[in-house]
N, C-alpha and C. Protein backbone atom coordinates (compact mmCIF):
# COMPACT_ATOMS: atom_id res chain seq x y z
N MET A 1 51.76 -63.85 31.10
CA MET A 1 52.57 -62.68 30.83
C MET A 1 53.81 -62.69 31.72
N LYS A 2 54.81 -61.91 31.30
CA LYS A 2 56.07 -61.86 32.02
C LYS A 2 56.52 -60.41 32.12
N LEU A 3 56.82 -59.96 33.35
CA LEU A 3 57.26 -58.58 33.58
C LEU A 3 58.75 -58.57 33.92
N TYR A 4 59.52 -57.87 33.10
CA TYR A 4 60.93 -57.65 33.38
C TYR A 4 61.03 -56.35 34.18
N THR A 5 61.64 -56.42 35.35
CA THR A 5 61.62 -55.28 36.26
C THR A 5 62.95 -55.16 36.98
N THR A 6 63.13 -54.06 37.69
CA THR A 6 64.32 -53.82 38.50
C THR A 6 63.86 -53.30 39.85
N PRO A 7 64.10 -54.04 40.93
CA PRO A 7 63.64 -53.60 42.25
C PRO A 7 64.14 -52.20 42.60
N MET A 8 63.24 -51.38 43.10
CA MET A 8 63.51 -50.05 43.62
C MET A 8 63.68 -48.97 42.55
N ALA A 9 63.90 -49.33 41.30
CA ALA A 9 63.97 -48.31 40.25
C ALA A 9 62.56 -47.73 40.06
N PRO A 10 62.44 -46.42 39.87
CA PRO A 10 61.11 -45.79 39.94
C PRO A 10 60.12 -46.25 38.87
N ASN A 11 60.53 -46.36 37.62
CA ASN A 11 59.57 -46.76 36.59
C ASN A 11 59.11 -48.20 36.75
N PRO A 12 60.01 -49.15 36.99
CA PRO A 12 59.53 -50.50 37.30
C PRO A 12 58.66 -50.56 38.55
N GLU A 13 59.04 -49.77 39.56
CA GLU A 13 58.26 -49.77 40.81
C GLU A 13 56.86 -49.22 40.59
N ARG A 14 56.73 -48.31 39.65
CA ARG A 14 55.41 -47.77 39.29
C ARG A 14 54.47 -48.91 38.88
N VAL A 15 54.97 -49.81 38.05
CA VAL A 15 54.16 -50.94 37.60
C VAL A 15 53.89 -51.90 38.75
N MET A 16 54.89 -52.14 39.58
CA MET A 16 54.70 -53.04 40.70
C MET A 16 53.65 -52.50 41.68
N CYS A 17 53.63 -51.18 41.86
CA CYS A 17 52.61 -50.58 42.73
C CYS A 17 51.21 -50.80 42.18
N VAL A 18 51.05 -50.63 40.88
CA VAL A 18 49.76 -50.89 40.25
C VAL A 18 49.35 -52.34 40.48
N MET A 19 50.29 -53.25 40.32
CA MET A 19 49.98 -54.66 40.52
C MET A 19 49.58 -54.94 41.96
N ARG A 20 50.27 -54.32 42.92
CA ARG A 20 49.91 -54.54 44.32
C ARG A 20 48.53 -53.96 44.64
N GLU A 21 48.24 -52.77 44.12
CA GLU A 21 46.93 -52.16 44.37
C GLU A 21 45.80 -52.97 43.76
N LYS A 22 46.05 -53.62 42.64
CA LYS A 22 45.03 -54.40 41.95
C LYS A 22 45.10 -55.89 42.29
N SER A 23 45.99 -56.24 43.21
CA SER A 23 46.16 -57.64 43.64
C SER A 23 46.43 -58.57 42.46
N ILE A 24 47.29 -58.12 41.54
CA ILE A 24 47.65 -58.92 40.37
C ILE A 24 48.80 -59.84 40.75
N THR A 25 48.57 -61.13 40.67
CA THR A 25 49.59 -62.10 41.09
C THR A 25 49.91 -63.13 40.01
N ASP A 26 49.27 -63.01 38.84
CA ASP A 26 49.43 -64.04 37.82
C ASP A 26 50.40 -63.62 36.70
N ILE A 27 51.28 -62.68 36.98
CA ILE A 27 52.29 -62.25 36.02
C ILE A 27 53.66 -62.67 36.54
N GLU A 28 54.42 -63.38 35.72
CA GLU A 28 55.75 -63.83 36.12
C GLU A 28 56.69 -62.62 36.22
N ILE A 29 57.48 -62.57 37.28
CA ILE A 29 58.41 -61.46 37.51
C ILE A 29 59.83 -61.92 37.22
N VAL A 30 60.53 -61.15 36.38
CA VAL A 30 61.94 -61.43 36.06
C VAL A 30 62.75 -60.18 36.39
N ASN A 31 63.69 -60.29 37.30
CA ASN A 31 64.51 -59.14 37.69
C ASN A 31 65.67 -58.94 36.73
N VAL A 32 65.90 -57.67 36.39
CA VAL A 32 66.99 -57.29 35.50
C VAL A 32 67.92 -56.36 36.28
N ASP A 33 69.20 -56.71 36.37
CA ASP A 33 70.17 -55.94 37.14
C ASP A 33 70.80 -54.87 36.24
N LEU A 34 70.40 -53.61 36.45
CA LEU A 34 70.92 -52.52 35.63
C LEU A 34 72.40 -52.30 35.87
N PHE A 35 72.84 -52.46 37.11
CA PHE A 35 74.23 -52.15 37.45
C PHE A 35 75.20 -53.21 36.93
N LYS A 36 74.68 -54.37 36.57
CA LYS A 36 75.49 -55.38 35.90
C LYS A 36 75.35 -55.31 34.39
N GLY A 37 74.55 -54.35 33.93
CA GLY A 37 74.38 -54.17 32.49
C GLY A 37 73.49 -55.19 31.81
N GLU A 38 72.66 -55.89 32.61
CA GLU A 38 71.83 -56.94 32.01
C GLU A 38 70.82 -56.37 31.02
N HIS A 39 70.41 -55.11 31.20
CA HIS A 39 69.44 -54.50 30.29
C HIS A 39 70.05 -54.21 28.92
N LYS A 40 71.36 -54.21 28.84
CA LYS A 40 72.04 -53.94 27.57
C LYS A 40 72.55 -55.20 26.88
N SER A 41 72.26 -56.34 27.47
CA SER A 41 72.72 -57.60 26.89
C SER A 41 71.99 -57.90 25.58
N LYS A 42 72.61 -58.68 24.74
CA LYS A 42 72.01 -59.07 23.47
C LYS A 42 70.70 -59.80 23.69
N GLU A 43 70.67 -60.64 24.71
CA GLU A 43 69.48 -61.44 25.00
C GLU A 43 68.32 -60.53 25.41
N TYR A 44 68.60 -59.58 26.30
CA TYR A 44 67.51 -58.72 26.76
C TYR A 44 67.05 -57.77 25.66
N ARG A 45 67.93 -57.32 24.83
CA ARG A 45 67.55 -56.41 23.74
C ARG A 45 66.61 -57.09 22.74
N GLN A 46 66.63 -58.41 22.71
CA GLN A 46 65.66 -59.11 21.87
C GLN A 46 64.25 -58.95 22.42
N THR A 47 64.15 -58.73 23.72
CA THR A 47 62.86 -58.46 24.35
C THR A 47 62.54 -56.98 24.33
N SER A 48 63.53 -56.16 24.70
CA SER A 48 63.35 -54.71 24.79
C SER A 48 64.46 -54.03 23.98
N PRO A 49 64.22 -53.74 22.70
CA PRO A 49 65.28 -53.26 21.82
C PRO A 49 65.98 -51.99 22.30
N PHE A 50 65.27 -51.13 23.05
CA PHE A 50 65.88 -49.90 23.55
C PHE A 50 66.47 -50.07 24.95
N ALA A 51 66.58 -51.33 25.39
CA ALA A 51 67.17 -51.66 26.70
C ALA A 51 66.39 -51.03 27.85
N GLN A 52 65.07 -50.94 27.71
CA GLN A 52 64.24 -50.32 28.73
C GLN A 52 63.71 -51.33 29.74
N VAL A 53 63.62 -50.89 30.96
CA VAL A 53 62.98 -51.63 32.05
C VAL A 53 62.02 -50.64 32.70
N PRO A 54 60.76 -51.04 32.92
CA PRO A 54 60.18 -52.37 32.78
C PRO A 54 59.80 -52.70 31.33
N ALA A 55 59.56 -53.99 31.14
CA ALA A 55 59.03 -54.48 29.86
C ALA A 55 58.04 -55.60 30.18
N LEU A 56 56.89 -55.53 29.58
CA LEU A 56 55.86 -56.54 29.81
C LEU A 56 55.69 -57.37 28.55
N GLU A 57 56.06 -58.64 28.64
CA GLU A 57 55.91 -59.57 27.51
C GLU A 57 54.52 -60.18 27.57
N LEU A 58 53.74 -59.94 26.52
CA LEU A 58 52.38 -60.45 26.49
C LEU A 58 52.36 -61.92 26.11
N ASP A 59 51.21 -62.55 26.27
CA ASP A 59 51.10 -63.97 25.98
C ASP A 59 51.32 -64.28 24.50
N ASP A 60 51.09 -63.30 23.62
CA ASP A 60 51.28 -63.54 22.19
C ASP A 60 52.70 -63.20 21.73
N GLY A 61 53.58 -62.84 22.70
CA GLY A 61 54.97 -62.58 22.37
C GLY A 61 55.30 -61.11 22.16
N ARG A 62 54.30 -60.26 21.96
CA ARG A 62 54.58 -58.84 21.82
C ARG A 62 55.01 -58.26 23.17
N VAL A 63 55.74 -57.15 23.12
CA VAL A 63 56.30 -56.57 24.34
C VAL A 63 55.92 -55.10 24.45
N LEU A 64 55.43 -54.74 25.62
CA LEU A 64 55.15 -53.35 25.96
C LEU A 64 56.28 -52.82 26.82
N THR A 65 56.82 -51.65 26.45
CA THR A 65 57.71 -50.93 27.34
C THR A 65 57.03 -49.60 27.67
N GLU A 66 57.72 -48.74 28.40
CA GLU A 66 57.17 -47.49 28.93
C GLU A 66 56.20 -47.82 30.07
N SER A 67 56.59 -47.42 31.26
CA SER A 67 55.82 -47.81 32.45
C SER A 67 54.37 -47.34 32.40
N LYS A 68 54.13 -46.14 31.90
CA LYS A 68 52.75 -45.64 31.84
C LYS A 68 51.90 -46.50 30.91
N ALA A 69 52.46 -46.90 29.77
CA ALA A 69 51.73 -47.76 28.83
C ALA A 69 51.39 -49.09 29.48
N ILE A 70 52.33 -49.65 30.23
CA ILE A 70 52.09 -50.93 30.91
C ILE A 70 51.00 -50.77 31.96
N CYS A 71 51.07 -49.67 32.72
CA CYS A 71 50.05 -49.43 33.75
C CYS A 71 48.67 -49.28 33.14
N MET A 72 48.59 -48.59 32.02
CA MET A 72 47.29 -48.42 31.35
C MET A 72 46.76 -49.74 30.83
N TYR A 73 47.66 -50.58 30.32
CA TYR A 73 47.25 -51.90 29.84
C TYR A 73 46.69 -52.74 31.00
N LEU A 74 47.38 -52.71 32.13
CA LEU A 74 46.91 -53.46 33.29
C LEU A 74 45.58 -52.91 33.79
N GLU A 75 45.39 -51.59 33.70
CA GLU A 75 44.11 -50.99 34.08
C GLU A 75 42.98 -51.55 33.22
N GLY A 76 43.25 -51.76 31.94
CA GLY A 76 42.24 -52.31 31.06
C GLY A 76 41.91 -53.76 31.38
N LEU A 77 42.94 -54.53 31.74
CA LEU A 77 42.73 -55.95 32.05
C LEU A 77 42.12 -56.14 33.44
N TYR A 78 42.51 -55.29 34.36
CA TYR A 78 42.07 -55.40 35.75
C TYR A 78 41.49 -54.02 36.15
N PRO A 79 40.26 -53.74 35.77
CA PRO A 79 39.71 -52.38 35.90
C PRO A 79 39.45 -51.89 37.32
N GLU A 80 39.46 -52.80 38.28
CA GLU A 80 39.20 -52.37 39.67
C GLU A 80 40.39 -52.73 40.56
N PRO A 81 40.74 -51.85 41.47
CA PRO A 81 40.21 -50.49 41.63
C PRO A 81 40.68 -49.56 40.52
N ASN A 82 39.83 -48.65 40.16
CA ASN A 82 40.13 -47.71 39.09
C ASN A 82 41.24 -46.75 39.53
N LEU A 83 42.25 -46.57 38.66
CA LEU A 83 43.38 -45.69 38.98
C LEU A 83 43.54 -44.53 38.01
N PHE A 84 42.82 -44.55 36.89
CA PHE A 84 43.06 -43.58 35.82
C PHE A 84 41.88 -42.63 35.58
N GLY A 85 40.79 -42.81 36.30
CA GLY A 85 39.66 -41.90 36.14
C GLY A 85 38.41 -42.59 35.66
N LYS A 86 37.26 -42.13 36.16
CA LYS A 86 35.98 -42.72 35.80
C LYS A 86 35.15 -41.82 34.90
N THR A 87 35.46 -40.56 34.86
CA THR A 87 34.75 -39.60 34.01
C THR A 87 35.79 -38.83 33.19
N PRO A 88 35.37 -38.21 32.08
CA PRO A 88 36.33 -37.41 31.32
C PRO A 88 37.03 -36.35 32.16
N GLU A 89 36.28 -35.68 33.03
CA GLU A 89 36.86 -34.64 33.87
C GLU A 89 37.88 -35.20 34.84
N GLU A 90 37.50 -36.27 35.54
CA GLU A 90 38.42 -36.86 36.50
C GLU A 90 39.66 -37.40 35.81
N THR A 91 39.48 -38.07 34.67
CA THR A 91 40.61 -38.61 33.92
C THR A 91 41.58 -37.52 33.52
N ALA A 92 41.06 -36.39 33.09
CA ALA A 92 41.91 -35.28 32.66
C ALA A 92 42.73 -34.72 33.82
N PHE A 93 42.09 -34.55 34.98
CA PHE A 93 42.83 -34.00 36.12
C PHE A 93 43.86 -35.00 36.65
N ILE A 94 43.54 -36.28 36.62
CA ILE A 94 44.51 -37.30 37.03
C ILE A 94 45.71 -37.28 36.08
N GLU A 95 45.44 -37.21 34.79
CA GLU A 95 46.53 -37.17 33.81
C GLU A 95 47.38 -35.91 33.99
N MET A 96 46.73 -34.79 34.24
CA MET A 96 47.47 -33.54 34.46
C MET A 96 48.45 -33.68 35.62
N TRP A 97 47.95 -34.20 36.75
CA TRP A 97 48.83 -34.30 37.91
C TRP A 97 49.87 -35.40 37.75
N ASP A 98 49.52 -36.48 37.08
CA ASP A 98 50.50 -37.54 36.86
C ASP A 98 51.66 -37.02 36.02
N ARG A 99 51.35 -36.25 34.98
CA ARG A 99 52.40 -35.68 34.13
C ARG A 99 53.22 -34.65 34.89
N ARG A 100 52.56 -33.83 35.71
CA ARG A 100 53.29 -32.85 36.52
C ARG A 100 54.29 -33.54 37.43
N VAL A 101 53.84 -34.57 38.12
CA VAL A 101 54.72 -35.27 39.04
C VAL A 101 55.88 -35.93 38.29
N GLU A 102 55.58 -36.56 37.17
CA GLU A 102 56.62 -37.25 36.42
C GLU A 102 57.66 -36.28 35.86
N PHE A 103 57.19 -35.21 35.21
CA PHE A 103 58.10 -34.32 34.51
C PHE A 103 58.70 -33.23 35.40
N MET A 104 58.01 -32.85 36.47
CA MET A 104 58.49 -31.75 37.31
C MET A 104 59.09 -32.22 38.63
N TRP A 105 58.99 -33.52 38.92
CA TRP A 105 59.53 -34.04 40.17
C TRP A 105 60.43 -35.25 39.95
N LEU A 106 59.89 -36.28 39.29
CA LEU A 106 60.68 -37.49 39.10
C LEU A 106 61.85 -37.25 38.15
N MET A 107 61.65 -36.52 37.06
CA MET A 107 62.74 -36.30 36.12
C MET A 107 63.86 -35.44 36.70
N PRO A 108 63.56 -34.33 37.43
CA PRO A 108 64.66 -33.62 38.09
C PRO A 108 65.39 -34.49 39.11
N LEU A 109 64.65 -35.34 39.82
CA LEU A 109 65.29 -36.25 40.77
C LEU A 109 66.24 -37.19 40.05
N ALA A 110 65.79 -37.74 38.92
CA ALA A 110 66.65 -38.64 38.14
C ALA A 110 67.91 -37.92 37.68
N MET A 111 67.77 -36.66 37.28
CA MET A 111 68.93 -35.88 36.86
C MET A 111 69.89 -35.66 38.02
N TRP A 112 69.33 -35.34 39.18
CA TRP A 112 70.12 -35.14 40.39
C TRP A 112 70.95 -36.38 40.72
N LEU A 113 70.30 -37.53 40.71
CA LEU A 113 70.98 -38.76 41.09
C LEU A 113 71.91 -39.28 40.01
N ARG A 114 71.45 -39.29 38.77
CA ARG A 114 72.27 -39.86 37.70
C ARG A 114 73.56 -39.08 37.47
N HIS A 115 73.51 -37.78 37.74
CA HIS A 115 74.69 -36.97 37.48
C HIS A 115 75.44 -36.57 38.74
N GLY A 116 74.88 -36.90 39.92
CA GLY A 116 75.52 -36.50 41.15
C GLY A 116 75.88 -37.61 42.11
N HIS A 117 75.26 -38.78 41.96
CA HIS A 117 75.52 -39.89 42.86
C HIS A 117 76.58 -40.81 42.24
N PRO A 118 77.66 -41.10 42.98
CA PRO A 118 78.73 -41.93 42.39
C PRO A 118 78.28 -43.32 41.97
N GLY A 119 77.24 -43.83 42.62
CA GLY A 119 76.77 -45.16 42.27
C GLY A 119 76.18 -45.27 40.89
N PHE A 120 75.77 -44.13 40.32
CA PHE A 120 75.14 -44.15 39.01
C PHE A 120 76.13 -43.91 37.87
N ALA A 121 77.38 -43.72 38.20
CA ALA A 121 78.38 -43.45 37.17
C ALA A 121 78.52 -44.61 36.19
N VAL A 122 78.21 -45.81 36.66
CA VAL A 122 78.33 -46.98 35.80
C VAL A 122 77.26 -47.00 34.70
N LEU A 123 76.17 -46.25 34.90
CA LEU A 123 75.06 -46.30 33.96
C LEU A 123 75.24 -45.33 32.79
N GLU A 124 75.84 -44.18 33.03
CA GLU A 124 76.00 -43.20 31.97
C GLU A 124 77.07 -42.19 32.36
N LYS A 125 77.55 -41.43 31.38
CA LYS A 125 78.53 -40.39 31.65
C LYS A 125 77.86 -39.28 32.46
N GLN A 126 78.46 -38.93 33.59
CA GLN A 126 77.87 -37.93 34.46
C GLN A 126 78.34 -36.52 34.08
N ILE A 127 77.40 -35.58 34.10
CA ILE A 127 77.67 -34.16 33.84
C ILE A 127 77.41 -33.43 35.15
N ALA A 128 78.47 -32.99 35.79
CA ALA A 128 78.39 -32.51 37.18
C ALA A 128 77.38 -31.38 37.36
N GLU A 129 77.30 -30.46 36.41
CA GLU A 129 76.41 -29.30 36.60
C GLU A 129 74.93 -29.67 36.53
N ASN A 130 74.61 -30.86 36.00
CA ASN A 130 73.21 -31.26 35.94
C ASN A 130 72.64 -31.64 37.31
N ALA A 131 73.51 -32.09 38.21
CA ALA A 131 73.05 -32.55 39.52
C ALA A 131 72.41 -31.43 40.34
N PRO A 132 73.08 -30.30 40.53
CA PRO A 132 72.43 -29.24 41.33
C PRO A 132 71.17 -28.67 40.67
N ARG A 133 71.12 -28.65 39.33
CA ARG A 133 69.90 -28.19 38.66
C ARG A 133 68.76 -29.14 38.95
N GLY A 134 69.05 -30.43 38.89
CA GLY A 134 68.02 -31.41 39.19
C GLY A 134 67.57 -31.33 40.64
N GLU A 135 68.53 -31.17 41.55
CA GLU A 135 68.18 -31.07 42.98
C GLU A 135 67.30 -29.85 43.23
N LYS A 136 67.64 -28.72 42.64
CA LYS A 136 66.87 -27.50 42.83
C LYS A 136 65.43 -27.68 42.35
N GLY A 137 65.26 -28.26 41.16
CA GLY A 137 63.92 -28.49 40.63
C GLY A 137 63.12 -29.46 41.49
N PHE A 138 63.78 -30.51 41.96
CA PHE A 138 63.10 -31.50 42.80
C PHE A 138 62.62 -30.88 44.10
N ARG A 139 63.49 -30.13 44.75
CA ARG A 139 63.13 -29.52 46.04
C ARG A 139 62.04 -28.46 45.87
N TRP A 140 62.09 -27.72 44.78
CA TRP A 140 61.05 -26.72 44.52
C TRP A 140 59.69 -27.38 44.38
N PHE A 141 59.63 -28.45 43.61
CA PHE A 141 58.33 -29.09 43.39
C PHE A 141 57.84 -29.79 44.65
N ALA A 142 58.75 -30.28 45.48
CA ALA A 142 58.34 -30.90 46.75
C ALA A 142 57.57 -29.90 47.60
N LYS A 143 58.05 -28.66 47.66
CA LYS A 143 57.35 -27.64 48.44
C LYS A 143 56.02 -27.26 47.78
N ARG A 144 56.01 -27.23 46.45
CA ARG A 144 54.77 -26.92 45.75
C ARG A 144 53.73 -28.02 45.98
N LEU A 145 54.18 -29.26 45.94
CA LEU A 145 53.27 -30.37 46.17
C LEU A 145 52.78 -30.38 47.61
N ASP A 146 53.65 -30.03 48.54
CA ASP A 146 53.24 -29.95 49.94
C ASP A 146 52.12 -28.93 50.11
N ALA A 147 52.22 -27.80 49.43
CA ALA A 147 51.17 -26.78 49.51
C ALA A 147 49.86 -27.29 48.93
N GLU A 148 49.93 -28.02 47.83
CA GLU A 148 48.73 -28.59 47.23
C GLU A 148 48.05 -29.56 48.19
N LEU A 149 48.85 -30.34 48.90
CA LEU A 149 48.30 -31.37 49.79
C LEU A 149 47.77 -30.79 51.10
N SER A 150 47.89 -29.50 51.29
CA SER A 150 47.28 -28.89 52.47
C SER A 150 45.76 -28.87 52.37
N GLY A 151 45.23 -29.03 51.16
CA GLY A 151 43.79 -28.96 50.97
C GLY A 151 43.14 -30.25 50.53
N ARG A 152 43.92 -31.33 50.39
CA ARG A 152 43.33 -32.61 49.99
C ARG A 152 44.26 -33.75 50.41
N ASP A 153 43.72 -34.96 50.41
CA ASP A 153 44.48 -36.12 50.88
C ASP A 153 45.26 -36.83 49.79
N PHE A 154 44.91 -36.58 48.52
CA PHE A 154 45.55 -37.30 47.42
C PHE A 154 46.06 -36.32 46.37
N ILE A 155 46.97 -36.79 45.54
CA ILE A 155 47.65 -35.91 44.60
C ILE A 155 46.69 -35.27 43.60
N ALA A 156 45.77 -36.06 43.04
CA ALA A 156 44.96 -35.56 41.93
C ALA A 156 43.50 -35.31 42.28
N GLY A 157 43.14 -35.42 43.55
CA GLY A 157 41.74 -35.21 43.88
C GLY A 157 41.35 -35.85 45.19
N GLU A 158 40.19 -36.46 45.19
CA GLU A 158 39.62 -36.98 46.43
C GLU A 158 39.86 -38.46 46.65
N ARG A 159 40.61 -39.10 45.75
CA ARG A 159 40.86 -40.53 45.94
C ARG A 159 42.24 -40.90 45.37
N PHE A 160 42.67 -42.11 45.71
CA PHE A 160 43.97 -42.63 45.29
C PHE A 160 43.96 -42.94 43.80
N THR A 161 45.00 -42.51 43.07
CA THR A 161 45.09 -42.74 41.63
C THR A 161 46.54 -43.00 41.22
N ILE A 162 46.72 -43.16 39.91
CA ILE A 162 48.06 -43.37 39.36
C ILE A 162 48.98 -42.19 39.70
N ALA A 163 48.43 -40.99 39.86
CA ALA A 163 49.26 -39.83 40.22
C ALA A 163 49.90 -40.02 41.59
N ASP A 164 49.17 -40.64 42.52
CA ASP A 164 49.75 -40.95 43.83
C ASP A 164 50.86 -41.98 43.70
N ILE A 165 50.67 -42.95 42.83
CA ILE A 165 51.70 -43.97 42.62
C ILE A 165 52.97 -43.34 42.08
N THR A 166 52.85 -42.47 41.08
CA THR A 166 54.02 -41.82 40.51
C THR A 166 54.74 -40.98 41.55
N ALA A 167 53.99 -40.28 42.37
CA ALA A 167 54.60 -39.48 43.44
C ALA A 167 55.23 -40.38 44.50
N PHE A 168 54.59 -41.48 44.80
CA PHE A 168 55.11 -42.39 45.84
C PHE A 168 56.44 -43.01 45.42
N VAL A 169 56.54 -43.43 44.16
CA VAL A 169 57.81 -44.02 43.71
C VAL A 169 58.89 -42.94 43.64
N SER A 170 58.50 -41.70 43.41
CA SER A 170 59.47 -40.61 43.41
C SER A 170 60.05 -40.42 44.81
N VAL A 171 59.18 -40.44 45.81
CA VAL A 171 59.64 -40.32 47.20
C VAL A 171 60.55 -41.48 47.56
N GLY A 172 60.18 -42.68 47.12
CA GLY A 172 61.01 -43.84 47.40
C GLY A 172 62.39 -43.72 46.77
N PHE A 173 62.44 -43.26 45.52
CA PHE A 173 63.70 -43.10 44.82
C PHE A 173 64.56 -42.01 45.45
N ALA A 174 63.92 -41.01 46.02
CA ALA A 174 64.64 -39.89 46.64
C ALA A 174 65.45 -40.32 47.86
N ARG A 175 65.13 -41.49 48.41
CA ARG A 175 65.92 -41.97 49.55
C ARG A 175 67.37 -42.18 49.17
N VAL A 176 67.62 -42.47 47.88
CA VAL A 176 69.00 -42.64 47.41
C VAL A 176 69.78 -41.33 47.58
N ALA A 177 69.07 -40.20 47.47
CA ALA A 177 69.68 -38.89 47.67
C ALA A 177 69.61 -38.44 49.12
N LYS A 178 69.20 -39.37 50.01
CA LYS A 178 69.04 -39.07 51.43
C LYS A 178 68.02 -37.94 51.67
N TRP A 179 66.97 -37.93 50.83
CA TRP A 179 65.90 -36.96 51.01
C TRP A 179 64.62 -37.69 51.37
N LYS A 180 63.86 -37.13 52.27
CA LYS A 180 62.53 -37.64 52.59
C LYS A 180 61.70 -36.50 53.15
N PRO A 181 60.37 -36.60 53.07
CA PRO A 181 59.52 -35.54 53.63
C PRO A 181 59.78 -35.40 55.13
N ASN A 182 59.64 -34.19 55.64
CA ASN A 182 59.85 -33.98 57.07
C ASN A 182 58.80 -33.01 57.62
N ALA A 183 58.63 -33.05 58.92
CA ALA A 183 57.55 -32.29 59.57
C ALA A 183 57.79 -30.78 59.52
N GLU A 184 59.03 -30.35 59.36
CA GLU A 184 59.32 -28.92 59.36
C GLU A 184 59.04 -28.28 58.00
N GLU A 185 59.55 -28.87 56.93
CA GLU A 185 59.46 -28.26 55.60
C GLU A 185 58.27 -28.76 54.78
N THR A 186 57.95 -30.02 54.91
CA THR A 186 56.90 -30.62 54.06
C THR A 186 55.97 -31.50 54.90
N PRO A 187 55.26 -30.94 55.87
CA PRO A 187 54.42 -31.75 56.75
C PRO A 187 53.26 -32.43 56.03
N ASN A 188 52.68 -31.77 55.04
CA ASN A 188 51.55 -32.38 54.32
C ASN A 188 52.03 -33.53 53.45
N LEU A 189 53.19 -33.36 52.86
CA LEU A 189 53.77 -34.43 52.06
C LEU A 189 54.16 -35.61 52.94
N LEU A 190 54.63 -35.32 54.13
CA LEU A 190 54.98 -36.38 55.09
C LEU A 190 53.73 -37.18 55.48
N ALA A 191 52.63 -36.49 55.78
CA ALA A 191 51.39 -37.18 56.16
C ALA A 191 50.86 -38.00 54.99
N TRP A 192 50.97 -37.44 53.79
CA TRP A 192 50.54 -38.18 52.59
C TRP A 192 51.39 -39.43 52.42
N ARG A 193 52.72 -39.29 52.57
CA ARG A 193 53.61 -40.45 52.43
C ARG A 193 53.25 -41.56 53.41
N ASP A 194 52.93 -41.17 54.64
CA ASP A 194 52.55 -42.17 55.65
C ASP A 194 51.26 -42.88 55.26
N ARG A 195 50.33 -42.14 54.65
CA ARG A 195 49.09 -42.78 54.18
C ARG A 195 49.40 -43.77 53.06
N MET A 196 50.33 -43.44 52.20
CA MET A 196 50.69 -44.33 51.10
C MET A 196 51.37 -45.60 51.61
N LEU A 197 52.19 -45.45 52.64
CA LEU A 197 52.88 -46.62 53.20
C LEU A 197 51.90 -47.62 53.80
N ALA A 198 50.74 -47.14 54.20
CA ALA A 198 49.72 -48.02 54.78
C ALA A 198 48.89 -48.74 53.73
N ARG A 199 49.07 -48.40 52.45
CA ARG A 199 48.31 -48.99 51.36
C ARG A 199 49.05 -50.20 50.78
N PRO A 200 48.38 -50.98 49.92
CA PRO A 200 49.07 -52.10 49.26
C PRO A 200 50.33 -51.68 48.51
N CYS A 201 50.31 -50.49 47.88
CA CYS A 201 51.48 -50.05 47.14
C CYS A 201 52.69 -49.85 48.05
N GLY A 202 52.44 -49.62 49.33
CA GLY A 202 53.54 -49.40 50.27
C GLY A 202 54.11 -50.67 50.86
N SER A 203 53.51 -51.80 50.54
CA SER A 203 54.01 -53.09 51.05
C SER A 203 54.96 -53.71 50.03
N LYS A 204 55.96 -54.39 50.52
CA LYS A 204 56.94 -55.03 49.64
C LYS A 204 56.81 -56.55 49.73
């Protein structure tokens, strides 16, 4: 198999974290430079028609895009350690928190950066008023997540799951906005981040 990815971008990094946690080393890695427009090239669109990264090319030539779909596929091929849930109840709560983090934290962050950071102007037309809306939503959910983590060590329950990975890549991406958890405003999120950095997903 072959994984087309972009270093540090949150959705590709989500897949890379899953691979590190599962010690997957037999997938070829191909880097795609978004800022040079390589994802929009004719050649790459033959692999990923919607110009999406990441993209996982299977051995039979079919291609999976959408980071969550790729992560779920890898979970099926490499079931341990389990990241998506072992029981219907656990799976549901993991999915709930993974979606919350993605839609209520990562997406506002993407809006903040894509429309407010000058470095992202090359990727799309920026709409200035979207940046503060995204920043406000991101900061609000950071405090909400910090409160949740006052009573547990992981995002979705008592163990590490895909929800932690989605949150971890969000924190990593937030560095572009010069934001990171701190002891004054988000101490529980800071402690959680430090625990994640000590895991395989936190190694580069």
